[in-house]
N, C-alpha and C. Protein backbone atom coordinates (compact mmCIF):
# COMPACT_ATOMS: atom_id res chain seq x y z
N UNK A 1 16.36 -6.76 7.39
CA UNK A 1 15.11 -6.70 6.63
C UNK A 1 13.85 -6.33 7.58
N UNK A 2 13.04 -5.42 7.17
CA UNK A 2 11.83 -5.17 7.95
C UNK A 2 10.63 -5.31 6.86
N UNK A 3 9.49 -5.45 7.50
CA UNK A 3 8.23 -5.58 6.75
C UNK A 3 7.25 -4.46 7.31
N UNK A 4 6.43 -4.05 6.24
CA UNK A 4 5.40 -3.08 6.71
C UNK A 4 4.05 -3.68 6.25
N UNK A 5 3.20 -3.89 7.28
CA UNK A 5 1.85 -4.20 7.01
C UNK A 5 0.90 -2.95 6.77
N UNK A 6 0.38 -2.81 5.70
CA UNK A 6 -0.49 -1.64 5.57
C UNK A 6 -2.00 -2.11 5.22
N UNK A 7 -2.89 -1.47 5.99
CA UNK A 7 -4.28 -1.88 6.06
C UNK A 7 -5.07 -0.65 5.52
N UNK A 8 -5.92 -0.75 4.49
CA UNK A 8 -6.84 0.26 4.06
C UNK A 8 -8.24 -0.16 4.23
N UNK A 9 -9.15 0.64 4.57
CA UNK A 9 -10.60 0.30 4.64
C UNK A 9 -11.11 1.37 3.60
N UNK A 10 -11.85 0.76 2.60
CA UNK A 10 -12.30 1.40 1.46
C UNK A 10 -13.57 2.26 1.86
N UNK A 11 -13.67 3.47 1.21
CA UNK A 11 -14.98 4.21 1.38
C UNK A 11 -16.07 3.40 0.86
N UNK A 12 -17.31 3.67 1.35
CA UNK A 12 -18.45 3.03 0.94
C UNK A 12 -18.59 3.00 -0.66
N UNK A 13 -18.82 1.66 -1.20
CA UNK A 13 -18.90 1.45 -2.59
C UNK A 13 -17.68 1.86 -3.44
N UNK A 14 -16.51 1.91 -2.87
CA UNK A 14 -15.41 2.20 -3.52
C UNK A 14 -14.17 1.17 -3.57
N UNK A 15 -14.51 0.05 -2.92
CA UNK A 15 -13.44 -1.05 -2.78
C UNK A 15 -12.94 -1.47 -4.30
N UNK A 16 -13.84 -1.56 -5.23
CA UNK A 16 -13.40 -2.02 -6.57
C UNK A 16 -12.40 -1.04 -7.20
N UNK A 17 -12.93 0.30 -6.95
CA UNK A 17 -12.11 1.45 -7.51
C UNK A 17 -10.71 1.44 -6.76
N UNK A 18 -10.63 1.08 -5.44
CA UNK A 18 -9.39 0.94 -4.84
C UNK A 18 -8.46 -0.19 -5.36
N UNK A 19 -9.05 -1.31 -5.50
CA UNK A 19 -8.32 -2.39 -6.17
C UNK A 19 -7.92 -2.15 -7.59
N UNK A 20 -8.68 -1.45 -8.35
CA UNK A 20 -8.25 -1.11 -9.62
C UNK A 20 -7.11 -0.13 -9.75
N UNK A 21 -7.16 0.87 -8.83
CA UNK A 21 -6.04 1.79 -8.76
C UNK A 21 -4.82 1.11 -8.33
N UNK A 22 -4.77 0.26 -7.36
CA UNK A 22 -3.54 -0.46 -7.06
C UNK A 22 -3.00 -1.34 -8.27
N UNK A 23 -4.00 -2.02 -8.78
CA UNK A 23 -3.70 -2.97 -9.84
C UNK A 23 -3.15 -2.30 -11.18
N UNK A 24 -3.87 -1.18 -11.55
CA UNK A 24 -3.52 -0.60 -12.87
C UNK A 24 -2.52 0.53 -12.80
N UNK A 25 -2.40 1.26 -11.60
CA UNK A 25 -1.64 2.48 -11.54
C UNK A 25 -0.57 2.48 -10.43
N UNK A 26 -0.95 2.00 -9.24
CA UNK A 26 -0.09 2.17 -8.13
C UNK A 26 1.19 1.30 -8.18
N UNK A 27 0.88 0.02 -8.42
CA UNK A 27 2.05 -1.00 -8.41
C UNK A 27 3.13 -0.60 -9.40
N UNK A 28 3.07 -0.02 -10.54
CA UNK A 28 4.10 0.26 -11.33
C UNK A 28 4.82 1.52 -10.66
N UNK A 29 4.23 2.38 -10.08
CA UNK A 29 4.88 3.44 -9.35
C UNK A 29 5.59 2.97 -8.16
N UNK A 30 5.10 2.00 -7.36
CA UNK A 30 5.76 1.38 -6.23
C UNK A 30 7.03 0.79 -6.93
N UNK A 31 7.19 0.29 -7.91
CA UNK A 31 8.24 -0.52 -8.43
C UNK A 31 9.35 0.73 -8.75
N UNK A 32 8.88 1.74 -9.24
CA UNK A 32 9.84 2.82 -9.54
C UNK A 32 10.56 3.34 -8.21
N UNK A 33 9.81 3.29 -7.11
CA UNK A 33 10.37 3.78 -5.81
C UNK A 33 10.83 2.70 -5.06
N UNK A 34 11.08 1.56 -5.47
CA UNK A 34 11.62 0.42 -4.75
C UNK A 34 10.72 0.01 -3.53
N UNK A 35 9.51 -0.03 -3.78
CA UNK A 35 8.45 -0.58 -2.63
C UNK A 35 8.25 -1.90 -3.25
N UNK A 36 8.82 -2.93 -2.55
CA UNK A 36 8.52 -4.31 -2.83
C UNK A 36 7.31 -4.79 -2.08
N UNK A 37 6.28 -5.29 -2.75
CA UNK A 37 5.07 -5.82 -2.24
C UNK A 37 5.25 -7.36 -2.22
N UNK A 38 4.93 -7.96 -1.11
CA UNK A 38 5.06 -9.27 -1.04
C UNK A 38 3.73 -9.96 -1.24
N UNK A 39 2.66 -9.33 -1.17
CA UNK A 39 1.34 -9.81 -1.29
C UNK A 39 0.18 -8.82 -0.92
N UNK A 40 -0.94 -9.16 -1.49
CA UNK A 40 -2.15 -8.34 -1.06
C UNK A 40 -3.17 -9.27 -0.61
N UNK A 41 -4.08 -8.97 0.25
CA UNK A 41 -5.13 -9.73 0.80
C UNK A 41 -6.31 -8.98 1.18
N UNK A 42 -7.51 -9.54 1.04
CA UNK A 42 -8.71 -8.94 1.61
C UNK A 42 -8.95 -9.70 3.01
N UNK A 43 -9.81 -8.93 3.81
CA UNK A 43 -10.17 -9.45 5.06
C UNK A 43 -11.48 -10.28 4.77
N UNK A 44 -11.43 -11.56 5.07
CA UNK A 44 -12.70 -12.60 4.83
C UNK A 44 -13.86 -11.99 5.49
N UNK A 45 -13.83 -11.39 6.58
CA UNK A 45 -15.02 -10.96 7.22
C UNK A 45 -15.30 -9.50 6.86
N UNK A 46 -14.42 -8.75 6.31
CA UNK A 46 -14.73 -7.29 5.94
C UNK A 46 -14.05 -7.13 4.45
N UNK A 47 -14.73 -7.47 3.41
CA UNK A 47 -14.20 -7.38 2.04
C UNK A 47 -13.84 -5.86 1.68
N UNK A 48 -14.21 -4.90 2.48
CA UNK A 48 -13.86 -3.55 2.17
C UNK A 48 -12.42 -3.31 2.72
N UNK A 49 -11.83 -4.17 3.40
CA UNK A 49 -10.56 -3.91 3.98
C UNK A 49 -9.44 -4.63 3.03
N UNK A 50 -8.45 -3.85 2.61
CA UNK A 50 -7.39 -4.33 1.71
C UNK A 50 -6.07 -4.33 2.59
N UNK A 51 -5.50 -5.32 2.61
CA UNK A 51 -4.22 -5.51 3.40
C UNK A 51 -3.02 -5.82 2.55
N UNK A 52 -1.88 -5.29 2.72
CA UNK A 52 -0.70 -5.68 1.93
C UNK A 52 0.51 -5.53 2.68
N UNK A 53 1.57 -6.35 2.36
CA UNK A 53 2.79 -6.52 3.03
C UNK A 53 3.89 -5.99 2.10
N UNK A 54 4.72 -5.00 2.63
CA UNK A 54 5.91 -4.56 1.90
C UNK A 54 7.20 -4.97 2.56
N UNK A 55 8.24 -5.13 1.81
CA UNK A 55 9.44 -5.42 2.40
C UNK A 55 10.45 -4.45 2.07
N UNK A 56 11.31 -4.04 3.13
CA UNK A 56 12.37 -3.02 2.97
C UNK A 56 13.66 -3.62 3.66
N UNK A 57 14.84 -3.01 3.22
CA UNK A 57 15.99 -3.40 3.85
C UNK A 57 16.32 -2.71 5.25
N UNK A 58 15.64 -1.58 5.44
CA UNK A 58 15.82 -0.81 6.66
C UNK A 58 14.74 0.13 6.81
N UNK A 59 14.56 0.74 8.06
CA UNK A 59 13.54 1.80 8.14
C UNK A 59 13.81 2.91 7.38
N UNK A 60 15.15 3.29 7.32
CA UNK A 60 15.52 4.50 6.46
C UNK A 60 15.13 4.35 5.12
N UNK A 61 15.29 3.07 4.56
CA UNK A 61 14.89 2.90 3.09
C UNK A 61 13.41 3.02 3.04
N UNK A 62 12.63 2.45 3.98
CA UNK A 62 11.15 2.49 3.98
C UNK A 62 10.79 3.93 3.90
N UNK A 63 11.23 4.73 4.87
CA UNK A 63 10.85 6.21 4.93
C UNK A 63 11.18 6.88 3.72
N UNK A 64 12.38 6.64 3.12
CA UNK A 64 12.65 7.39 1.83
C UNK A 64 11.86 6.93 0.66
N UNK A 65 11.57 5.61 0.61
CA UNK A 65 10.64 5.16 -0.47
C UNK A 65 9.28 5.72 -0.40
N UNK A 66 8.66 5.77 0.74
CA UNK A 66 7.43 6.49 0.88
C UNK A 66 7.46 7.94 0.69
N UNK A 67 8.52 8.62 1.08
CA UNK A 67 8.61 9.94 0.70
C UNK A 67 8.65 10.20 -0.81
N UNK A 68 9.51 9.47 -1.53
CA UNK A 68 9.66 9.71 -2.87
C UNK A 68 8.35 9.33 -3.70
N UNK A 69 7.69 8.23 -3.23
CA UNK A 69 6.32 7.89 -3.71
C UNK A 69 5.39 8.91 -3.57
N UNK A 70 5.31 9.50 -2.29
CA UNK A 70 4.26 10.58 -2.10
C UNK A 70 4.35 11.81 -2.75
N UNK A 71 5.64 12.04 -3.24
CA UNK A 71 5.91 13.37 -4.01
C UNK A 71 5.99 13.07 -5.52
N UNK A 72 5.77 11.88 -5.92
CA UNK A 72 5.84 11.61 -7.40
C UNK A 72 4.75 12.20 -8.09
N UNK A 73 5.00 13.18 -9.19
CA UNK A 73 3.97 13.73 -9.90
C UNK A 73 3.07 12.73 -10.56
N UNK A 74 3.32 11.67 -11.08
CA UNK A 74 2.45 10.67 -11.51
C UNK A 74 1.48 10.22 -10.64
N UNK A 75 1.97 9.82 -9.36
CA UNK A 75 1.13 9.41 -8.24
C UNK A 75 0.11 10.44 -7.83
N UNK A 76 0.61 11.71 -7.75
CA UNK A 76 -0.27 12.75 -7.30
C UNK A 76 -1.43 12.87 -8.29
N UNK A 77 -1.12 12.84 -9.64
CA UNK A 77 -2.15 13.01 -10.58
C UNK A 77 -3.05 11.87 -10.60
N UNK A 78 -2.63 10.57 -10.40
CA UNK A 78 -3.52 9.37 -10.35
C UNK A 78 -4.44 9.52 -9.17
N UNK A 79 -3.86 9.93 -8.00
CA UNK A 79 -4.68 10.09 -6.75
C UNK A 79 -5.74 11.02 -6.94
N UNK A 80 -5.35 12.21 -7.56
CA UNK A 80 -6.42 13.24 -7.82
C UNK A 80 -7.51 12.80 -8.66
N UNK A 81 -7.19 12.19 -9.86
CA UNK A 81 -8.13 11.68 -10.92
C UNK A 81 -9.04 10.55 -10.26
N UNK A 82 -8.44 9.54 -9.51
CA UNK A 82 -9.17 8.56 -8.94
C UNK A 82 -10.12 8.86 -7.87
N UNK A 83 -9.81 10.09 -7.17
CA UNK A 83 -10.58 10.63 -6.03
C UNK A 83 -11.51 11.77 -6.53
N UNK A 84 -11.77 12.00 -7.75
CA UNK A 84 -12.58 13.11 -8.22
C UNK A 84 -13.91 13.23 -7.58
N UNK A 85 -14.36 11.92 -7.28
CA UNK A 85 -15.74 11.83 -6.67
C UNK A 85 -15.72 11.53 -5.16
N UNK A 86 -14.60 11.78 -4.56
CA UNK A 86 -14.45 11.42 -3.14
C UNK A 86 -13.27 10.41 -2.94
N UNK A 87 -12.84 10.50 -1.74
CA UNK A 87 -11.63 9.53 -1.34
C UNK A 87 -12.04 8.12 -1.46
N UNK A 88 -11.16 7.30 -1.88
CA UNK A 88 -11.29 5.85 -1.85
C UNK A 88 -11.04 5.13 -0.65
N UNK A 89 -10.50 5.89 0.27
CA UNK A 89 -10.08 5.14 1.68
C UNK A 89 -10.73 6.00 2.78
N UNK A 90 -11.22 5.33 3.78
CA UNK A 90 -11.61 6.08 5.01
C UNK A 90 -10.62 6.02 6.07
N UNK A 91 -9.79 4.89 6.07
CA UNK A 91 -8.72 4.86 7.00
C UNK A 91 -7.66 3.97 6.48
N UNK A 92 -6.34 4.30 7.09
CA UNK A 92 -5.26 3.49 6.66
C UNK A 92 -4.28 3.36 7.94
N UNK A 93 -3.73 2.09 8.14
CA UNK A 93 -2.89 1.92 9.25
C UNK A 93 -1.66 1.31 8.71
N UNK A 94 -0.54 1.56 9.37
CA UNK A 94 0.73 0.99 8.90
C UNK A 94 1.41 0.36 10.21
N UNK A 95 1.91 -0.80 10.12
CA UNK A 95 2.55 -1.38 11.15
C UNK A 95 3.84 -1.92 10.66
N UNK A 96 5.05 -1.48 11.38
CA UNK A 96 6.30 -1.94 11.00
C UNK A 96 6.59 -3.29 11.85
N UNK A 97 7.01 -4.32 11.07
CA UNK A 97 7.26 -5.65 11.67
C UNK A 97 8.70 -6.10 11.57
N UNK A 98 9.33 -6.54 12.60
CA UNK A 98 10.65 -7.04 12.66
C UNK A 98 10.52 -8.46 12.69
N UNK A 99 11.22 -9.24 11.73
CA UNK A 99 11.10 -10.74 11.77
C UNK A 99 11.91 -11.22 13.07
N UNK A 100 11.46 -12.41 13.48
CA UNK A 100 12.07 -13.06 14.39
C UNK A 100 12.99 -14.18 13.93
N UNK A 101 13.97 -14.70 14.60
CA UNK A 101 14.99 -15.53 13.98
C UNK A 101 14.54 -16.98 13.71
N UNK A 102 13.46 -17.32 14.09
CA UNK A 102 12.87 -18.69 13.97
C UNK A 102 11.84 -18.88 12.96
N UNK A 103 11.61 -18.01 12.10
CA UNK A 103 10.70 -18.13 11.11
C UNK A 103 11.17 -17.79 9.71
N UNK A 104 10.70 -18.64 8.65
CA UNK A 104 11.09 -18.30 7.29
C UNK A 104 10.57 -16.84 6.83
N UNK A 105 11.33 -16.29 6.09
CA UNK A 105 11.01 -14.97 5.62
C UNK A 105 10.21 -15.06 4.36
N UNK A 106 9.16 -14.16 4.26
CA UNK A 106 8.19 -14.20 3.11
C UNK A 106 8.98 -13.84 1.69
């Protein structure tokens, strides 16, 4: 099992639109592509930052899931429509995390 920590910094005045896109549109497409989200968080000191944790069985599964998600016609359309007035995100980072044997798994 591996985990991926993804951090997005919302464009100015677009954090609510980013939350709405995840909540209303992105999560169902994640399910279709077997992207399991363990939770979403905001940064207490930077509410414009959205952080979430995904779980995958392997790096190969993680790569395949993001590839299929990124080419999904429904996602492409949702992204285009939601970004008609500019990108919702200024930056995104992804960190792959390998669990250690002495901690409970999320």
